[in-house]
Structures are given as structure tokens and as C-alpha cells.
Protein backbone atom coordinates (compact mmCIF):
# COMPACT_ATOMS: atom_id res chain seq x y z
CA MET A 1 117.19 88.70 72.97
CA THR A 2 113.66 87.49 72.60
CA THR A 3 113.05 83.80 72.48
CA PRO A 4 109.87 81.96 71.97
CA ALA A 5 108.41 80.10 74.78
CA SER A 6 107.64 76.37 74.63
CA GLY A 7 105.08 75.89 71.77
CA ALA A 8 105.58 79.41 70.27
CA ALA A 9 107.11 79.61 66.81
CA ASP A 10 109.28 82.55 65.63
CA GLY A 11 107.42 85.27 64.01
CA ASP A 12 103.87 84.39 65.27
CA ASP A 13 101.88 86.02 67.96
CA GLY A 14 102.58 83.34 70.36
CA LEU A 15 104.30 83.70 73.83
CA SER A 16 107.87 84.80 74.03
CA ILE A 17 109.91 85.56 76.99
CA ARG A 18 112.54 88.61 76.87
CA PRO A 19 114.48 90.71 79.31
CA ALA A 20 112.22 93.59 80.70
CA ALA A 21 112.81 97.06 79.18
CA ARG A 22 112.15 100.45 80.40
CA ALA A 23 109.22 100.82 77.97
CA ASP A 24 107.63 97.70 79.67
CA LEU A 25 107.42 99.28 83.09
CA LEU A 26 104.08 100.87 82.98
CA ALA A 27 102.41 97.62 81.74
CA ILE A 28 104.35 95.68 84.44
CA VAL A 29 103.18 98.03 87.20
CA ARG A 30 99.57 97.80 85.74
CA ILE A 31 99.64 94.00 86.15
CA GLU A 32 101.20 94.31 89.56
CA ASN A 33 98.40 96.74 90.78
CA GLU A 34 95.75 94.34 89.36
CA SER A 35 97.38 91.25 91.05
CA PHE A 36 98.39 92.43 94.49
CA SER A 37 96.72 94.33 97.30
CA GLN A 38 100.16 95.87 98.37
CA PRO A 39 101.87 96.24 95.10
CA TRP A 40 105.42 97.22 94.37
CA PRO A 41 105.82 100.75 93.13
CA TYR A 42 107.33 101.90 89.78
CA ASP A 43 110.90 102.50 91.13
CA ALA A 44 111.13 98.95 92.70
CA PHE A 45 110.94 97.61 89.23
CA GLU A 46 113.14 100.29 87.73
CA ARG A 47 115.95 99.28 90.10
CA PHE A 48 115.94 95.69 88.48
CA LEU A 49 116.21 96.96 84.91
CA GLY A 50 119.10 95.39 83.19
CA ASP A 51 119.08 92.37 85.61
CA ASP A 52 118.91 89.04 83.78
CA GLY A 53 116.40 87.82 86.14
CA PHE A 54 113.83 90.55 85.32
CA LEU A 55 111.74 89.06 82.36
CA VAL A 56 108.47 89.73 80.77
CA ALA A 57 106.15 87.45 78.84
CA VAL A 58 104.84 88.98 75.54
CA GLU A 59 101.84 87.53 74.05
CA GLY A 60 100.26 88.97 70.90
CA GLY A 61 102.43 91.92 71.29
CA THR A 62 101.28 92.97 74.84
CA ILE A 63 102.91 92.35 78.03
CA ALA A 64 101.19 89.34 79.81
CA GLY A 65 103.33 88.79 82.75
CA TYR A 66 106.75 89.24 84.36
CA ILE A 67 109.10 87.81 86.90
CA VAL A 68 111.89 89.27 89.13
CA ALA A 69 114.49 87.01 90.35
CA ASP A 70 118.10 87.36 91.57
CA VAL A 71 120.77 85.40 93.32
CA SER A 72 122.69 86.49 96.60
CA THR A 73 125.31 84.81 98.70
CA GLN A 74 124.18 83.81 102.06
CA PHE A 75 126.33 81.70 104.46
CA GLY A 76 128.72 80.93 101.68
CA ARG A 77 125.94 79.61 99.42
CA GLU A 78 124.40 81.04 96.31
CA LEU A 79 120.49 81.54 96.95
CA GLY A 80 118.17 82.26 94.24
CA HIS A 81 115.10 84.36 95.18
CA ILE A 82 111.90 84.78 93.18
CA LYS A 83 110.97 88.19 94.32
CA ASP A 84 108.00 88.88 92.23
CA ILE A 85 105.95 87.13 89.63
CA ALA A 86 102.47 88.10 88.35
CA VAL A 87 100.36 87.34 85.16
CA HIS A 88 97.81 89.78 83.84
CA PRO A 89 94.20 88.50 84.95
CA ASP A 90 93.14 88.18 81.26
CA HIS A 91 96.06 85.82 80.71
CA ARG A 92 95.87 83.69 83.67
CA ASP A 93 95.60 79.86 83.36
CA SER A 94 97.28 79.64 79.88
CA GLY A 95 100.79 78.44 80.83
CA ILE A 96 102.39 82.02 81.25
CA GLY A 97 103.32 81.64 84.89
CA THR A 98 104.66 78.16 84.20
CA ALA A 99 106.88 79.67 81.27
CA LEU A 100 108.12 82.55 83.41
CA LEU A 101 108.94 80.40 86.23
CA THR A 102 110.76 77.94 83.99
CA ARG A 103 112.91 80.75 82.39
CA GLY A 104 113.42 82.34 85.80
CA MET A 105 114.72 79.14 87.38
CA ALA A 106 117.05 78.55 84.22
CA VAL A 107 118.33 82.14 84.88
CA LEU A 108 118.90 81.38 88.58
CA THR A 109 120.61 77.98 87.94
CA ALA A 110 122.81 79.64 85.20
CA ARG A 111 123.88 82.25 87.97
CA GLY A 112 125.17 79.43 90.21
CA ALA A 113 122.21 79.26 92.65
CA ASP A 114 121.96 76.04 94.69
CA SER A 115 118.80 76.68 95.96
CA VAL A 116 115.90 78.95 95.38
CA LYS A 117 113.38 80.62 97.70
CA LEU A 118 110.10 82.56 97.41
CA GLU A 119 107.41 83.99 99.71
CA VAL A 120 103.79 83.31 98.90
CA ARG A 121 100.57 84.31 100.78
CA ARG A 122 99.25 81.68 102.97
CA THR A 123 95.88 81.93 101.15
CA ASN A 124 97.22 81.96 97.51
CA ASP A 125 96.43 78.37 96.68
CA GLY A 126 96.80 78.72 93.04
CA ALA A 127 100.38 80.05 93.43
CA LYS A 128 101.36 77.42 95.99
CA ARG A 129 100.24 74.69 93.53
CA LEU A 130 102.25 76.08 90.83
CA TYR A 131 105.24 76.35 93.07
CA ARG A 132 104.87 72.58 94.32
CA GLN A 133 104.71 71.60 90.71
CA PHE A 134 108.29 73.15 90.29
CA GLY A 135 109.50 71.29 93.33
CA PHE A 136 109.11 73.97 95.93
CA GLU A 137 108.43 72.83 99.45
CA PRO A 138 107.03 74.83 102.32
CA LEU A 139 109.84 75.75 104.59
CA ARG A 140 108.15 77.85 107.22
CA ARG A 141 105.41 80.29 108.06
CA VAL A 142 106.02 83.94 108.67
CA PRO A 143 103.28 85.38 110.79
CA GLY A 144 102.12 88.89 109.63
CA TYR A 145 104.68 89.09 106.76
CA TYR A 146 102.26 91.22 104.60
CA GLY A 147 101.16 94.65 105.59
CA ASN A 148 97.68 93.51 105.99
CA GLY A 149 98.69 91.06 108.73
CA GLU A 150 98.52 88.05 106.42
CA ASP A 151 101.04 85.25 106.86
CA ALA A 152 103.63 84.21 104.29
CA ILE A 153 104.80 80.79 103.57
CA ILE A 154 108.47 80.59 102.63
CA MET A 155 109.04 78.03 100.22
CA LEU A 156 112.46 76.33 98.87
CA ARG A 157 113.69 74.39 96.05
CA LYS A 158 117.04 72.88 96.09
CA LEU A 159 118.73 72.70 92.65
CA GLU A 160 121.04 69.97 91.48
């Protein structure tokens, strides 16, 4: 089901968010490759097809971004995990990341998550700013988390 994101009307070329489909994978991988120095491979995304937390943002008929999120049980609690999120460089700073994160958080909440975690590069100030706007708090630093030796910041948000 495709639904308009906030501000988009049905039938226009505004932003909509829908479940990812196999036909979207090449566009998703292109965005991933343009966004990250250590991108996920095609088959990593393919494994999430059909999961309700794998969503794409479509703007003007093109894939503008995506989010991959899921829920797992850890220590008897349901923990949401934002595994990957990216917006095409040509579409950044237009609210797409916010719309994807909003919808992804709604999916995780509906699936029973009582908290959500994510990892972000220590140097990615834009992403950290967005996550703080959503109530994520830094939990800890993981030295050398990324393949190039960069540290990750684990961020957490408790849900009501």
C-alpha cells in the first residue's frame, strides 16, 4: 500500500512512502553506494524484501530514499533497530529522511518495540542531529565499528 507522506496529496508527484519491492533494489543499491563508503551489497537488501520495516520514499516517480528496520527480542524485551537509512544526494534536506524515520518508527512501534537503537558514524553530524530530533540519545561509543576504523555512536530511544 502506498500512502502519501505528510504534505503530499493523492495523485500528485509529491512524496509517498511504501514497502520496498524487488524492482526498487537497483535504485536502493545506487543510493547506498552514493551514501556510504562501505555500502551494503545487493543481496543484503534482497533478504529484507517483504519485511514491513523495509520502506522506500518515492518522489516524482523515482526512489529518493529508503529505510530498513526490524524488531528482535533481546533479554525479554522487543528492541527495534534502524539498520540502514539513506536519502539520495539530490533529495537531501527536503524532509525525506524525517518522513522515512517517522514511518519506520511507526512500524517498529506497531510491532511492539519498547525501544529503538541505531548506529551512526561518529563524524556524521547531520544524521546525529536528525536522530536527536526524534528523541534518540547517545548510549555509547564503539571504537573501530566501521571497516575503515571509524567509531560508531550507538543511539537509543525508549518508546512509550
